[in-house]
Protein backbone atom coordinates (compact mmCIF):
# COMPACT_ATOMS: atom_id res chain seq x y z
CA MET A 1 7.47 3.52 5.05
CA ASP A 2 10.51 2.41 7.15
CA THR A 3 11.53 3.33 10.60
CA SER A 4 14.26 5.76 9.19
CA GLU A 5 11.82 7.46 7.06
CA ILE A 6 9.58 7.94 9.84
CA GLN A 7 12.25 9.45 12.18
CA ARG A 8 13.39 11.80 9.21
CA ILE A 9 9.68 13.03 8.97
CA ALA A 10 9.57 13.87 12.92
CA ARG A 11 12.93 15.92 12.38
CA ILE A 12 12.05 18.08 9.52
CA GLU A 13 8.05 18.38 9.29
CA ASP A 14 7.85 21.62 11.69
CA ALA A 15 10.13 23.59 9.27
CA ASN A 16 9.95 21.82 6.07
CA TRP A 17 8.13 23.88 3.22
CA TRP A 18 6.03 20.75 1.89
CA TYR A 19 4.74 19.84 5.44
CA ARG A 20 4.13 23.60 6.32
CA GLU A 21 2.12 24.15 3.24
CA ARG A 22 0.05 21.20 3.80
CA ARG A 23 -0.76 22.20 7.37
CA ALA A 24 -1.53 25.80 6.05
CA ILE A 25 -4.08 24.31 3.46
CA VAL A 26 -5.69 22.29 6.14
CA SER A 27 -5.94 25.64 8.57
CA ARG A 28 -7.64 27.50 5.51
CA GLU A 29 -10.35 24.91 5.39
CA LEU A 30 -11.21 24.56 9.01
CA PRO A 31 -13.43 27.93 9.07
CA HIS A 32 -15.76 26.03 6.38
CA LEU A 33 -16.38 23.33 8.99
CA GLY A 34 -18.13 25.20 11.64
CA VAL A 35 -17.26 24.87 15.39
CA PRO A 36 -14.53 22.38 16.26
CA GLY A 37 -15.78 18.77 16.91
CA VAL A 38 -14.29 15.16 16.59
CA ALA A 39 -11.86 14.42 13.91
CA LEU A 40 -9.78 11.37 12.56
CA ASP A 41 -6.69 11.78 10.76
CA VAL A 42 -6.02 8.47 8.64
CA GLY A 43 -2.40 7.98 7.65
CA ALA A 44 -1.44 10.61 10.31
CA ALA A 45 2.22 9.37 10.33
CA THR A 46 3.87 11.43 13.36
CA GLY A 47 0.84 13.57 14.10
CA GLY A 48 2.07 16.85 12.54
CA THR A 49 -1.40 17.73 11.12
CA ALA A 50 -3.22 16.22 14.03
CA ARG A 51 -1.57 18.65 16.28
CA VAL A 52 -2.78 21.39 14.36
CA LEU A 53 -6.38 20.23 14.68
CA GLN A 54 -5.68 20.01 18.33
CA ARG A 55 -4.58 23.52 18.78
CA ARG A 56 -7.70 24.78 16.96
CA GLY A 57 -9.76 22.90 19.42
CA TRP A 58 -10.62 19.63 17.70
CA HIS A 59 -10.74 16.20 19.64
CA VAL A 60 -8.41 14.34 17.40
CA THR A 61 -7.74 10.42 16.92
CA ALA A 62 -4.67 9.49 14.79
CA VAL A 63 -4.61 6.34 12.77
CA ASP A 64 -1.32 4.98 10.87
CA LEU A 65 -0.17 1.60 9.74
CA ASN A 66 3.20 2.08 11.11
CA PRO A 67 3.98 1.28 14.79
CA ASP A 68 7.04 3.71 15.04
CA ALA A 69 4.81 6.48 13.53
CA VAL A 70 2.30 5.83 16.13
CA ALA A 71 4.75 5.87 18.96
CA LEU A 72 6.16 9.10 17.78
CA ALA A 73 2.99 10.83 17.52
CA ARG A 74 2.00 9.52 20.95
CA GLU A 75 5.22 11.13 22.27
CA ARG A 76 4.05 14.28 20.73
CA GLY A 77 0.88 14.38 22.66
CA VAL A 78 -1.42 12.81 20.05
CA ASP A 79 -3.96 10.00 20.46
CA ALA A 80 -2.64 7.75 17.91
CA HIS A 81 -3.32 4.17 17.09
CA GLN A 82 -2.21 1.62 14.69
CA GLY A 83 -4.60 0.63 12.15
CA ASP A 84 -5.33 0.05 8.33
CA ALA A 85 -6.97 2.80 6.44
CA ARG A 86 -9.18 -0.25 4.48
CA TYR A 87 -10.31 -1.49 7.79
CA LEU A 88 -10.82 1.31 10.35
CA GLN A 89 -11.51 0.12 13.86
CA CYS A 90 -13.70 3.24 14.55
CA PRO A 91 -17.38 3.62 15.02
CA THR A 92 -19.75 4.18 12.30
CA SER A 93 -20.95 7.73 11.77
CA ARG A 94 -18.66 9.07 14.53
CA TYR A 95 -16.63 11.79 13.09
CA ASP A 96 -17.19 15.45 12.01
CA LEU A 97 -13.97 15.57 10.20
CA VAL A 98 -11.76 12.94 8.53
CA LEU A 99 -8.44 13.63 6.92
CA ALA A 100 -6.71 11.59 4.38
CA LEU A 101 -3.69 13.46 3.23
CA ASP A 102 -1.40 11.76 0.86
CA VAL A 103 -2.74 8.34 1.81
CA LEU A 104 -4.87 6.82 -0.91
CA GLU A 105 -2.22 6.76 -3.51
CA HIS A 106 -0.26 4.18 -1.46
CA ILE A 107 -3.17 1.69 -1.28
CA GLU A 108 -4.24 -0.80 -3.91
CA GLU A 109 -7.61 -1.05 -2.69
CA ASP A 110 -8.40 2.85 -2.49
CA ALA A 111 -12.10 2.42 -3.09
CA ARG A 112 -12.11 0.30 0.14
CA ALA A 113 -10.22 3.12 2.03
CA ALA A 114 -12.46 5.80 0.69
CA ALA A 115 -15.55 3.76 1.69
CA GLU A 116 -14.32 3.60 5.33
CA ILE A 117 -13.91 7.22 5.32
CA ALA A 118 -17.46 7.58 4.43
CA ARG A 119 -18.55 5.05 7.05
CA VAL A 120 -16.92 6.82 10.01
CA LEU A 121 -18.24 10.29 8.98
CA ARG A 122 -21.28 11.43 10.56
CA PRO A 123 -23.99 12.63 8.38
CA GLY A 124 -23.06 16.30 7.34
CA GLY A 125 -19.43 15.49 8.36
CA VAL A 126 -16.64 16.42 6.15
CA ALA A 127 -13.76 14.54 4.58
CA LEU A 128 -10.42 16.49 3.36
CA VAL A 129 -8.42 14.51 0.97
CA SER A 130 -5.38 15.00 -0.97
CA VAL A 131 -3.35 13.04 -3.44
CA PRO A 132 -0.63 13.33 -5.97
CA CYS A 133 -2.16 14.22 -9.42
CA ASP A 134 -1.63 13.31 -13.07
CA MET A 135 0.12 10.14 -14.25
CA GLU A 136 2.02 12.26 -16.89
CA LEU A 137 4.14 13.08 -13.66
CA TRP A 138 4.86 9.74 -12.64
CA SER A 139 8.49 9.05 -12.23
CA ALA A 140 11.10 7.04 -9.93
CA HIS A 141 10.12 9.39 -7.14
CA ASP A 142 6.71 7.87 -7.00
CA VAL A 143 8.18 4.58 -7.09
CA ALA A 144 10.69 5.47 -4.03
CA ALA A 145 7.73 7.10 -2.06
CA GLY A 146 5.91 3.76 -2.30
CA ARG A 147 2.95 4.97 -4.39
CA VAL A 148 0.81 2.72 -6.58
CA ARG A 149 -0.67 5.55 -8.90
CA ARG A 150 -1.35 9.26 -9.14
CA TYR A 151 -4.79 10.62 -9.76
CA GLU A 152 -6.68 12.41 -12.51
CA ARG A 153 -9.10 14.85 -11.14
CA GLN A 154 -12.09 12.96 -12.52
CA ASP A 155 -10.75 9.65 -10.99
CA LEU A 156 -10.58 11.49 -7.58
CA ILE A 157 -14.01 12.78 -7.95
CA THR A 158 -15.40 9.50 -9.16
CA LEU A 159 -13.61 7.66 -6.36
CA ILE A 160 -15.05 9.87 -3.49
CA GLU A 161 -18.70 10.03 -4.96
CA ASP A 162 -18.75 6.28 -5.26
CA ALA A 163 -18.10 5.96 -1.68
CA GLY A 164 -21.22 8.04 -1.06
CA LEU A 165 -19.85 11.39 -0.33
CA MET A 166 -20.70 14.87 -2.15
CA VAL A 167 -17.80 16.82 -3.55
CA GLU A 168 -18.04 20.33 -2.32
CA ARG A 169 -14.67 21.66 -3.65
CA LEU A 170 -11.75 20.35 -5.83
CA TRP A 171 -8.63 22.20 -6.31
CA SER A 172 -4.99 21.98 -7.23
CA ALA A 173 -1.76 22.60 -5.23
CA GLY A 174 1.63 22.97 -6.48
CA VAL A 175 0.81 24.75 -9.61
CA LEU A 176 3.76 27.10 -9.53
CA LEU A 177 6.02 24.14 -8.53
CA ARG A 178 5.03 21.73 -11.03
CA PRO A 179 7.78 22.76 -13.68
CA LEU A 180 10.63 22.45 -11.32
CA LEU A 181 9.51 19.37 -9.44
CA ARG A 182 8.91 17.63 -12.64
CA ARG A 183 12.21 18.23 -13.80
CA LEU A 184 13.89 17.33 -10.29
CA ARG A 185 11.87 14.08 -10.11
CA HIS A 186 12.75 12.81 -13.69
CA ARG A 187 16.35 13.29 -12.78
CA SER A 188 16.56 11.21 -9.58
CA PRO A 189 14.38 9.08 -7.54
CA ARG A 190 15.44 10.86 -4.33
CA ARG A 191 12.53 11.95 -2.10
CA GLU A 192 12.92 15.70 -2.29
CA ASP A 193 9.90 16.19 0.04
CA LEU A 194 11.71 14.35 2.88
CA ALA A 195 15.20 15.55 2.06
CA PRO A 196 17.00 18.16 4.37
CA LEU A 197 17.08 21.44 2.32
CA PRO A 198 19.30 24.50 2.70
CA PRO A 199 17.50 27.05 4.52
CA PRO A 200 17.50 29.42 1.60
CA VAL A 201 15.92 26.85 -0.63
CA ASN A 202 13.36 25.94 1.95
CA ALA A 203 12.35 29.55 2.42
CA ALA A 204 12.20 30.08 -1.34
CA LEU A 205 9.80 27.24 -1.83
CA ALA A 206 7.88 28.32 1.00
CA ARG A 207 7.44 31.69 -0.55
CA LEU A 208 6.54 30.32 -3.81
CA CYS A 209 3.75 28.37 -2.14
CA ALA A 210 2.46 31.31 -0.26
CA MET A 211 2.54 33.38 -3.66
CA GLU A 212 0.39 30.68 -5.28
CA ARG A 213 -2.29 31.10 -2.59
CA ARG A 214 -2.91 34.73 -3.88
CA LEU A 215 -3.22 33.78 -7.60
CA PRO A 216 -6.27 32.37 -9.32
CA VAL A 217 -4.54 29.17 -10.43
CA SER A 218 -6.10 26.56 -8.46
CA GLY A 219 -8.04 25.10 -11.41
CA ARG A 220 -4.90 24.56 -13.29
CA PRO A 221 -2.72 21.54 -13.18
CA GLY A 222 -0.44 21.19 -10.20
CA THR A 223 1.34 18.41 -8.41
CA ARG A 224 -1.27 17.64 -5.92
CA VAL A 225 -5.16 17.67 -5.92
CA PHE A 226 -7.20 18.37 -2.71
CA VAL A 227 -10.95 17.60 -2.35
CA ARG A 228 -13.29 18.43 0.46
CA ALA A 229 -16.51 16.32 0.26
CA ARG A 230 -19.52 15.77 2.60
CA ARG A 231 -21.40 13.16 3.67
CA PRO A 232 -25.11 14.17 2.78
CA TRP A 233 -27.72 14.36 5.48
CA GLY A 234 -30.20 11.37 5.27
CA ALA A 235 -27.78 9.33 3.36
CA ALA A 236 -27.31 5.72 4.70
CA ILE A 237 -23.61 4.46 4.22
CA GLY A 238 -23.30 0.80 4.01
CA ALA A 239 -20.59 -1.24 5.44
CA ASP A 240 -18.79 -1.33 2.36
CA GLY A 241 -19.52 2.25 1.59
CA GLY A 242 -21.78 3.82 -0.83
CA PRO A 243 -25.38 4.82 -0.63
C-alpha cells in the first residue's frame, strides 16, 4: 500500500462505515477476553483499531510493514513499529491478544504469518483474525487492494488450527452487503472501502451493518469472515508455529 493510500485511510477511517464497523466488531469481542492486558495489532495501518484497545485499557503495540503507516500511527499516540507479519520481532508467549484484521489475504506465506501469531500469544491468549471470504467474489477490486486470495471458511479454520490455535468462534460479516458489493466490485476495480462517500450513503451503509448485528445471519455467506481462536493452555508452540 503506497503513501497516498495510507494518508487516505488516516483521513477517512474515523467516519467511514467500513472501518467503524470493524472497530465495533472488535469492541463487541473484548468482553469475551476478560480484563485488559497486553495486545499486538499486526498490520495495524494508521492505528485506528489499536486506539480502540487503548481506550479500553489495553497496552497495545502496533506493527505494520509500511513506514508511513507507522509514522502516522505514532503521531496518533500509538506505540507503532515497522515489521513483517511473517517474522515478528516480538517475544514468544508475550501477548494476551493478537489482532490480524484484513492482513493475511495480502501475504503469500499466510501459514508463516499465522504461525507467528500463535508463537507470540501466551497460553490462553486469543487471536482475532478477519479476512475477505469466498473466491466466488474475486474481482478486480481484490487485485487493486493487493490481495493474493480470498478465503473459504474451512480454509481459514485449517490455517488457524495448523498454527496450533483452537477456534472458538467463526462468523460472517457483510451478509446483507454482499449482493450490493458484489455488483459494485465486478463493475469497477475502484477501492470502495477507501473511497470518500457522500454522507447519506455512508450513513445508509452504517445502518445496514447495525441491522445485520441484530439478525441471525452470521452463519450465512458474507463478504468477510472473522475467527476468534485461543492458544491452548499447556500447548507448546514451536518456532515455526504448530503444536
